[in-house]
Protein backbone atom coordinates (compact mmCIF):
# COMPACT_ATOMS: atom_id res chain seq x y z
CA MET A 1 -7.17 -23.78 -10.94
CA PRO A 2 -5.87 -20.86 -12.78
CA THR A 3 -7.72 -21.27 -16.46
CA ASP A 4 -4.08 -19.66 -18.18
CA LEU A 5 -2.90 -23.20 -17.51
CA VAL A 6 -1.98 -25.44 -20.40
CA VAL A 7 -1.36 -29.08 -20.20
CA ARG A 8 1.19 -30.91 -22.32
CA VAL A 9 -0.93 -33.59 -24.31
CA ALA A 10 0.26 -36.18 -27.14
CA GLY A 11 0.73 -35.59 -30.27
CA ASP A 12 0.86 -31.96 -31.46
CA CYS A 13 -3.05 -31.44 -30.05
CA SER A 14 -0.86 -28.36 -27.53
CA ALA A 15 -0.69 -25.60 -29.15
CA ALA A 16 -4.26 -25.92 -30.72
CA ALA A 17 -5.06 -26.78 -27.00
CA GLN A 18 -3.53 -23.28 -26.34
CA GLN A 19 -5.08 -21.48 -29.07
CA VAL A 20 -9.20 -22.83 -28.15
CA VAL A 21 -8.98 -22.24 -24.74
CA SER A 22 -7.18 -18.79 -25.34
CA GLU A 23 -10.29 -18.07 -27.45
CA THR A 24 -13.03 -19.79 -24.96
CA GLY A 25 -11.83 -18.55 -21.92
CA GLY A 26 -12.55 -21.94 -20.90
CA GLU A 27 -10.82 -23.79 -19.30
CA LEU A 28 -8.74 -27.96 -20.74
CA LEU A 29 -10.84 -30.72 -19.75
CA SER A 30 -8.95 -32.78 -22.51
CA ALA A 31 -6.47 -32.21 -26.02
CA GLN A 32 -6.21 -35.84 -27.61
CA PRO A 33 -5.28 -36.27 -31.48
CA THR A 34 -6.94 -38.07 -34.65
CA SER A 35 -6.04 -40.81 -37.07
CA ASP A 36 -6.76 -37.63 -39.98
CA GLY A 37 -4.20 -35.48 -38.20
CA GLN A 38 -7.38 -33.23 -36.45
CA CYS A 39 -6.76 -32.48 -32.26
CA VAL A 40 -10.24 -32.69 -30.62
CA ILE A 41 -10.56 -30.37 -27.57
CA THR A 42 -12.83 -30.65 -24.25
CA VAL A 43 -12.80 -27.50 -22.39
CA LEU A 44 -15.43 -26.06 -19.65
CA VAL A 45 -16.56 -22.49 -20.32
CA PRO A 46 -18.01 -20.12 -18.25
CA GLY A 47 -21.77 -20.26 -17.93
CA ASN A 48 -23.75 -16.33 -17.12
CA GLY A 49 -24.33 -18.11 -14.11
CA GLY A 50 -24.56 -21.12 -14.58
CA ARG A 51 -23.19 -24.28 -14.71
CA PRO A 52 -20.32 -24.46 -17.45
CA LYS A 53 -20.31 -25.39 -20.63
CA LYS A 54 -18.71 -28.41 -21.96
CA VAL A 55 -17.51 -27.22 -25.85
CA THR A 56 -15.67 -29.67 -28.05
CA VAL A 57 -14.17 -28.53 -30.70
CA ARG A 58 -12.09 -30.50 -33.65
CA VAL A 59 -9.29 -28.78 -35.06
CA PRO A 60 -6.08 -28.54 -37.68
CA MET A 61 -2.94 -29.98 -36.58
């Protein structure tokens, strides 16, 4: 699966998700808006020869 694939998500989290994926070089797992105007973005970041690491980031919309 290509790492540059960005899935449209609810709210306005698509730009935030695209930024996090670009910065981490990971694969988007989920992006969800919160009631306080932030997005919770979860990506799977490739490890150094080991298992990928799941990273969750909160960013403003």
